[in-house]
Protein backbone atom coordinates (compact mmCIF):
# COMPACT_ATOMS: atom_id res chain seq x y z
CA MET A 1 -28.49 76.42 -122.05
CA SER A 2 -28.43 76.34 -125.86
CA GLY A 3 -32.01 77.69 -125.94
CA THR A 4 -30.96 80.60 -123.75
CA THR A 5 -27.96 81.26 -125.98
CA ILE A 6 -30.10 81.18 -129.13
CA GLY A 7 -32.66 83.48 -127.54
CA TYR A 8 -29.96 85.96 -126.48
CA GLY A 9 -28.37 85.83 -129.92
CA TYR A 10 -31.71 86.47 -131.62
CA LYS A 11 -32.44 89.47 -129.40
CA ALA A 12 -28.95 90.87 -129.97
CA GLU A 13 -29.33 90.56 -133.75
CA GLN A 14 -32.80 92.09 -133.59
CA LEU A 15 -31.41 95.06 -131.66
CA ARG A 16 -28.57 95.42 -134.18
CA GLN A 17 -31.03 95.44 -137.09
CA THR A 18 -33.21 97.97 -135.26
CA GLU A 19 -30.27 100.33 -134.77
CA LEU A 20 -29.34 100.00 -138.43
CA ALA A 21 -32.89 100.83 -139.50
CA LYS A 22 -33.07 103.83 -137.17
CA ALA A 23 -29.70 105.08 -138.43
CA ALA A 24 -30.93 104.77 -142.03
CA VAL A 25 -33.99 106.89 -141.21
CA CYS A 26 -31.79 109.55 -139.58
CA ARG A 27 -29.45 109.63 -142.59
CA ARG A 28 -32.33 109.92 -145.02
CA MET A 29 -33.81 112.86 -143.11
CA MET A 30 -30.52 114.66 -142.51
CA ASN A 31 -29.31 114.22 -146.11
CA HIS A 32 -32.60 114.81 -147.92
CA PRO A 33 -32.26 116.83 -151.16
CA LEU A 34 -34.70 119.41 -149.74
CA GLY A 35 -32.56 119.87 -146.63
CA HIS A 36 -32.51 118.52 -143.10
CA PRO A 37 -35.29 119.15 -140.57
CA ALA A 38 -35.21 122.46 -138.73
CA TYR A 39 -38.20 122.20 -136.37
CA TYR A 40 -39.44 119.53 -133.99
CA GLY A 41 -42.83 119.40 -132.34
CA VAL A 42 -45.24 117.13 -130.45
CA CYS A 43 -48.99 117.09 -131.14
CA TYR A 44 -50.78 115.67 -128.09
CA TYR A 45 -54.41 115.46 -129.34
CA GLY A 46 -55.96 115.49 -125.84
CA LYS A 47 -58.03 118.69 -125.86
CA ARG A 48 -60.91 120.31 -127.72
CA PHE A 49 -60.14 122.62 -130.65
CA LYS A 50 -61.69 125.53 -128.73
CA PRO A 51 -62.98 125.71 -125.15
CA ASN A 52 -66.71 125.39 -124.54
CA PRO A 53 -67.63 128.55 -122.56
CA ASP A 54 -70.84 126.92 -121.30
CA LEU A 55 -68.92 124.36 -119.25
CA THR A 56 -66.91 124.63 -116.05
CA ALA A 57 -63.21 125.50 -116.19
CA ILE A 58 -62.32 121.82 -115.68
CA ASP A 59 -64.60 120.55 -118.44
CA ARG A 60 -64.49 123.24 -121.10
CA TRP A 61 -61.46 121.71 -122.85
CA ARG A 62 -62.57 118.11 -122.33
CA LEU A 63 -63.27 115.99 -125.41
CA SER A 64 -66.50 114.04 -125.68
CA PRO A 65 -66.07 110.27 -125.15
CA THR A 66 -66.80 109.69 -128.85
CA GLU A 67 -64.11 112.12 -129.97
CA PHE A 68 -61.58 110.96 -127.38
CA ARG A 69 -61.90 107.31 -128.51
CA LYS A 70 -60.63 108.35 -131.95
CA ARG A 71 -57.23 109.09 -130.38
CA TRP A 72 -56.68 105.30 -130.19
CA ASP A 73 -57.48 104.89 -133.91
CA LEU A 74 -54.33 104.86 -136.08
CA SER A 75 -56.27 105.65 -139.24
CA GLU A 76 -57.67 108.79 -137.62
CA VAL A 77 -54.22 109.81 -136.38
CA ARG A 78 -52.83 109.43 -139.89
CA LYS A 79 -55.66 111.53 -141.33
CA THR A 80 -54.78 114.33 -138.92
CA GLN A 81 -51.08 114.08 -139.81
CA ASP A 82 -51.93 114.24 -143.52
CA THR A 83 -54.09 117.32 -142.93
CA ILE A 84 -51.30 119.09 -141.05
CA THR A 85 -48.77 118.23 -143.76
CA LYS A 86 -51.09 119.78 -146.37
CA PHE A 87 -51.52 122.91 -144.22
CA ILE A 88 -47.74 123.30 -143.95
CA ASN A 89 -47.07 122.76 -147.66
CA LYS A 90 -49.86 125.12 -148.73
CA SER A 91 -48.61 127.80 -146.34
CA PHE A 92 -44.83 127.52 -146.71
CA GLY A 93 -44.31 125.61 -149.98
CA ASP A 94 -44.23 122.04 -151.28
CA ASP A 95 -40.45 122.03 -150.89
CA VAL A 96 -40.73 122.00 -147.07
CA PRO A 97 -40.42 118.33 -146.03
CA VAL A 98 -42.56 117.06 -143.15
CA TYR A 99 -41.90 113.83 -141.23
CA TRP A 100 -44.08 112.03 -138.68
CA PHE A 101 -43.42 109.53 -135.88
CA ILE A 102 -46.44 108.05 -134.10
CA GLU A 103 -45.99 107.35 -130.39
CA LYS A 104 -48.16 106.04 -127.57
CA HIS A 105 -48.76 107.80 -124.26
CA SER A 106 -47.89 105.78 -121.18
CA PRO A 107 -50.68 103.37 -120.13
CA GLN A 108 -53.35 104.65 -117.77
CA THR A 109 -53.06 103.11 -114.33
CA ASP A 110 -55.40 102.50 -111.41
CA GLU A 111 -54.81 103.50 -107.78
CA ASP A 112 -52.66 100.39 -107.27
CA GLY A 113 -50.41 101.36 -110.15
CA ASP A 114 -51.67 98.56 -112.44
CA ASP A 115 -52.14 99.28 -116.14
CA VAL A 116 -55.83 99.50 -116.97
CA LYS A 117 -55.77 101.00 -120.46
CA ASP A 118 -53.31 101.54 -123.27
CA GLY A 119 -52.25 105.14 -123.73
CA HIS A 120 -53.64 106.90 -126.77
CA TYR A 121 -51.49 108.08 -129.66
CA HIS A 122 -49.67 111.35 -130.10
CA SER A 123 -47.43 112.49 -132.96
CA ASN A 124 -43.88 113.75 -133.24
CA ILE A 125 -43.42 116.09 -136.21
CA PHE A 126 -40.25 117.27 -137.95
CA VAL A 127 -40.43 120.15 -140.43
CA GLY A 128 -37.76 121.32 -142.83
CA GLU A 129 -36.36 124.84 -143.09
CA ILE A 130 -38.83 127.56 -144.08
CA SER A 131 -37.44 130.00 -146.63
CA ASP A 132 -37.31 133.74 -146.02
CA GLU A 133 -39.22 134.25 -149.26
CA ALA A 134 -42.18 132.22 -147.96
CA ILE A 135 -42.58 134.79 -145.15
CA GLU A 136 -41.70 137.94 -147.10
CA ASP A 137 -43.99 137.03 -150.00
CA PRO A 138 -46.66 134.94 -148.22
CA SER A 139 -49.02 132.59 -150.02
CA PRO A 140 -52.80 133.11 -149.79
CA PHE A 141 -52.87 130.27 -147.26
CA LEU A 142 -50.23 131.89 -145.05
CA MET A 143 -51.60 135.44 -145.06
CA PRO A 144 -54.47 134.79 -142.59
CA LEU A 145 -52.04 133.27 -140.07
CA PHE A 146 -50.38 136.66 -139.55
CA HIS A 147 -53.61 137.73 -137.85
CA LYS A 148 -53.69 134.75 -135.48
CA GLU A 149 -52.88 135.46 -131.85
CA ASP A 150 -49.82 134.02 -130.20
CA GLU A 151 -49.93 132.40 -126.75
CA ALA A 152 -49.84 135.86 -125.15
CA GLY A 153 -52.96 136.90 -127.08
CA ILE A 154 -51.07 139.27 -129.41
CA PRO A 155 -51.64 139.04 -133.20
CA ILE A 156 -48.53 137.66 -134.86
CA SER A 157 -48.42 140.60 -137.28
CA MET A 158 -48.00 142.96 -134.30
CA ARG A 159 -45.08 141.09 -132.77
CA ASN A 160 -41.69 142.72 -133.11
CA ALA A 161 -40.19 139.34 -133.88
CA SER A 162 -37.02 138.42 -135.76
CA LEU A 163 -37.50 136.45 -138.96
CA PRO A 164 -36.54 133.10 -137.32
CA ASN A 165 -39.00 133.71 -134.48
CA LEU A 166 -41.68 134.81 -136.94
CA LYS A 167 -41.28 131.54 -138.82
CA LEU A 168 -41.75 129.59 -135.59
CA LEU A 169 -44.85 131.61 -134.61
CA LEU A 170 -46.43 131.10 -138.02
CA LEU A 171 -45.61 127.38 -138.10
CA ASN A 172 -47.21 127.05 -134.66
CA ALA A 173 -50.35 128.83 -135.88
CA CYS A 174 -50.39 126.69 -139.02
CA ILE A 175 -50.32 123.38 -137.15
CA ARG A 176 -52.93 124.59 -134.65
CA GLN A 177 -55.46 124.88 -137.50
CA ALA A 178 -55.89 121.11 -137.30
CA LYS A 179 -59.10 120.02 -135.56
CA TRP A 180 -57.20 117.72 -133.19
CA VAL A 181 -54.73 120.41 -132.13
CA GLY A 182 -56.44 123.77 -131.71
CA SER A 183 -55.67 126.53 -129.26
CA HIS A 184 -55.02 124.79 -125.94
CA PRO A 185 -51.42 125.57 -124.87
CA SER A 186 -50.56 121.93 -124.13
CA SER A 187 -51.88 120.59 -127.45
CA LEU A 188 -48.70 121.52 -129.30
CA TRP A 189 -45.07 121.83 -128.24
CA LEU A 190 -42.81 123.21 -130.97
CA GLN A 191 -39.25 124.49 -131.23
CA ALA A 192 -36.40 125.06 -133.65
CA VAL A 193 -33.62 122.48 -133.23
CA PRO A 194 -29.96 123.19 -134.11
CA PRO A 195 -28.53 120.82 -136.77
CA GLU A 196 -26.01 119.37 -134.32
CA GLU A 197 -28.87 118.23 -132.03
CA MET A 198 -31.26 117.01 -134.71
CA GLU A 199 -30.05 113.41 -135.11
CA GLN A 200 -30.31 112.83 -131.36
CA THR A 201 -33.83 114.28 -131.40
CA ILE A 202 -34.89 112.05 -134.29
CA SER A 203 -33.45 108.98 -132.57
CA TYR A 204 -35.33 109.83 -129.36
CA CYS A 205 -38.63 109.78 -131.27
CA MET A 206 -37.93 106.19 -132.30
CA LYS A 207 -37.34 104.88 -128.76
CA GLU A 208 -40.46 102.67 -128.90
CA ILE A 209 -38.79 100.64 -131.64
CA ASN A 210 -35.98 99.69 -129.26
CA GLU A 211 -38.52 98.37 -126.76
CA ASN A 212 -40.53 96.55 -129.44
CA PRO A 213 -39.10 96.32 -132.99
CA ALA A 214 -42.53 95.21 -134.25
CA THR A 215 -43.71 98.81 -133.84
CA PHE A 216 -41.37 100.06 -136.61
CA ASN A 217 -44.07 100.35 -139.29
CA ARG A 218 -46.43 102.10 -136.89
CA VAL A 219 -43.89 104.55 -135.48
CA ILE A 220 -42.55 105.37 -138.97
CA ASP A 221 -45.65 105.05 -141.11
CA LYS A 222 -45.04 105.13 -144.88
CA SER A 223 -48.40 106.75 -145.63
CA SER A 224 -47.47 109.78 -143.51
CA ASN A 225 -43.85 110.05 -144.67
CA HIS A 226 -43.81 110.50 -148.43
CA TYR A 227 -40.66 112.65 -148.08
CA LEU A 228 -38.92 109.71 -146.41
CA PHE A 229 -39.89 106.71 -148.57
């Protein structure tokens, strides 16, 4: 009985410490001197950068086995995150904070529903507010993105979009420059998040830590979060 009590007490304390750590991350992001996050996105990393027109419709977006295996490699995931952060800062300014949370897809299962392979990694990204000036007086890195097509195939520069929507379109195009993201619609999901919903969104991206506190330093990797640590 005492062993059970000790085990329960340990788990309860571990959960308490996990919640405190998660709350500290949320506070740091929401109270950062450069401002709180304004955008949230998910990079899925499961498709080719561009379709191969020589293949069938089913296969033209499929990654080669060699490339797909890299999606289980944390060092490769972190390289991609670092590349995207650099794209964002070069396009919109070094004062735009970028935060990353690394998450696993659900395990792959066989026809009996048994897990046969760990899910590969995908990334949750939070980006700070983009200034009006960054759009109205674009950097040399941002200028070419105005000529990128949106998901409807229309160049961004031709869209009659409000400034907030223009920022979102350009941020989407910026992130899609990464080799692991590209132009497939499902490779990136991105939206602006109201401040009152942001803490809940951040907490949701740390749900793996609740299930296994040992994942903390993988989910919130210091090397990808220099604005956080």
